[in-house]
Amino acid sequence: MRGRCDEHQPIAWANRPGKQERYGISSGEWRKLKRLVGRRDHDTCYVCGGEADEDEGLELDHITPVAEGGAVRDPDNLGLIHPEPCHADKSRREAARGNERRHARGVRP
């Protein structure tokens, strides 16, 4: 917690650029890829194998993060994933690896 009370914590990813700016991919193309991957994977999470919950759908995710060399548009590098806990856990592991790489290069976050 960065010295702030629960009510005043910064919003995660608040200043993060959108997919268009990060990957050069439109929201329409992203939806098309999500449908393609969903049909291929029978609308199941590639992490746990579970189907979408009624309350919460599956998200499209880069299996190998783009920052780690994963392809942006290649369906073989895309999979559907539950937002919680699968995607959140995966994102924490990826962030830890990114921090380790920055630390190894001597770059402060």
Protein backbone atom coordinates (compact mmCIF):
# COMPACT_ATOMS: atom_id res chain seq x y z
CA MET A 1 0.00 0.00 0.00
CA ARG A 2 1.92 3.15 -0.82
CA GLY A 3 1.20 4.99 2.44
CA ARG A 4 -2.42 5.65 1.56
CA CYS A 5 -5.60 4.53 3.25
CA ASP A 6 -7.78 1.93 1.49
CA GLU A 7 -10.12 4.62 0.17
CA HIS A 8 -7.34 6.58 -1.56
CA GLN A 9 -5.28 3.86 -3.21
CA PRO A 10 -4.22 4.57 -6.82
CA ILE A 11 -6.29 2.87 -9.49
CA ALA A 12 -4.32 0.04 -11.08
CA TRP A 13 -3.55 0.61 -14.76
CA ALA A 14 -5.25 4.05 -14.63
CA ASN A 15 -2.68 5.66 -16.93
CA ARG A 16 -2.02 2.60 -19.07
CA PRO A 17 -2.45 3.15 -22.82
CA GLY A 18 -5.18 1.18 -24.61
CA LYS A 19 -4.65 -1.82 -26.90
CA GLN A 20 -4.51 0.39 -29.99
CA GLU A 21 -1.61 2.39 -28.62
CA ARG A 22 0.19 -0.53 -26.95
CA TYR A 23 -0.17 -3.12 -29.71
CA GLY A 24 -1.45 -1.27 -32.77
CA ILE A 25 -4.59 -3.42 -32.70
CA SER A 26 -8.14 -2.09 -32.90
CA SER A 27 -10.90 -3.12 -30.51
CA GLY A 28 -12.75 -4.66 -33.47
CA GLU A 29 -9.74 -6.82 -34.39
CA TRP A 30 -9.33 -7.79 -30.70
CA ARG A 31 -13.00 -8.90 -30.55
CA LYS A 32 -12.56 -10.89 -33.77
CA LEU A 33 -9.49 -12.65 -32.33
CA LYS A 34 -11.40 -13.36 -29.10
CA ARG A 35 -14.22 -15.04 -31.05
CA LEU A 36 -11.70 -17.07 -33.09
CA VAL A 37 -9.82 -18.23 -29.99
CA GLY A 38 -13.11 -18.91 -28.16
CA ARG A 39 -14.30 -21.22 -30.94
CA ARG A 40 -10.93 -22.95 -31.08
CA ASP A 41 -10.74 -23.46 -27.30
CA HIS A 42 -14.45 -24.15 -26.76
CA ASP A 43 -14.76 -21.02 -24.58
CA THR A 44 -12.59 -22.43 -21.78
CA CYS A 45 -9.83 -20.84 -19.71
CA TYR A 46 -6.39 -21.94 -20.88
CA VAL A 47 -5.06 -21.83 -17.30
CA CYS A 48 -7.64 -23.88 -15.37
CA GLY A 49 -9.76 -25.38 -18.16
CA GLY A 50 -12.96 -23.95 -16.66
CA GLU A 51 -15.79 -22.37 -18.60
CA ALA A 52 -16.91 -18.77 -18.26
CA ASP A 53 -18.83 -17.92 -15.09
CA GLU A 54 -22.35 -16.52 -15.52
CA ASP A 55 -21.35 -13.31 -13.71
CA GLU A 56 -17.99 -12.87 -15.37
CA GLY A 57 -16.84 -13.79 -18.86
CA LEU A 58 -13.41 -14.80 -20.07
CA GLU A 59 -10.80 -12.31 -21.23
CA LEU A 60 -8.43 -12.65 -24.18
CA ASP A 61 -4.83 -12.85 -23.00
CA HIS A 62 -1.35 -13.13 -24.49
CA ILE A 63 -0.05 -16.50 -23.25
CA THR A 64 3.54 -15.31 -23.61
CA PRO A 65 3.50 -11.61 -22.76
CA VAL A 66 4.41 -9.23 -25.57
CA ALA A 67 7.08 -7.76 -23.25
CA GLU A 68 8.67 -11.22 -23.12
CA GLY A 69 8.64 -11.74 -26.89
CA GLY A 70 5.10 -13.05 -27.42
CA ALA A 71 3.37 -12.28 -30.71
CA VAL A 72 0.63 -9.64 -30.60
CA ARG A 73 -1.82 -11.08 -33.15
CA ASP A 74 -0.85 -14.76 -33.42
CA PRO A 75 -3.78 -16.92 -32.29
CA ASP A 76 -1.25 -19.49 -31.04
CA ASN A 77 -0.15 -16.90 -28.45
CA LEU A 78 -3.69 -15.98 -27.43
CA GLY A 79 -6.00 -17.74 -25.00
CA LEU A 80 -9.12 -17.06 -22.98
CA ILE A 81 -8.63 -16.66 -19.25
CA HIS A 82 -10.77 -16.06 -16.15
CA PRO A 83 -10.23 -12.51 -14.81
CA GLU A 84 -10.09 -13.89 -11.24
CA PRO A 85 -8.11 -15.69 -10.06
CA CYS A 86 -6.34 -16.98 -13.21
CA HIS A 87 -5.50 -13.67 -14.93
CA ALA A 88 -4.77 -11.82 -11.70
CA ASP A 89 -2.35 -14.56 -10.56
CA LYS A 90 -0.66 -14.69 -13.97
CA SER A 91 -0.31 -10.90 -14.03
CA ARG A 92 1.31 -10.90 -10.58
CA ARG A 93 3.85 -13.50 -11.73
CA GLU A 94 4.58 -11.50 -14.90
CA ALA A 95 5.03 -8.30 -12.89
CA ALA A 96 7.46 -10.08 -10.57
CA ARG A 97 9.50 -11.28 -13.56
CA GLY A 98 9.49 -7.75 -15.00
CA ASN A 99 10.70 -6.36 -11.69
CA GLU A 100 13.48 -8.97 -11.59
CA ARG A 101 14.59 -7.97 -15.11
CA ARG A 102 14.61 -4.28 -14.18
CA HIS A 103 16.52 -5.04 -10.98
CA ALA A 104 19.09 -7.09 -12.91
CA ARG A 105 19.63 -4.12 -15.27
CA GLY A 106 19.84 -1.70 -12.34
CA VAL A 107 16.70 0.20 -13.37
CA ARG A 108 14.46 1.46 -10.58
CA PRO A 109 10.66 1.08 -11.04
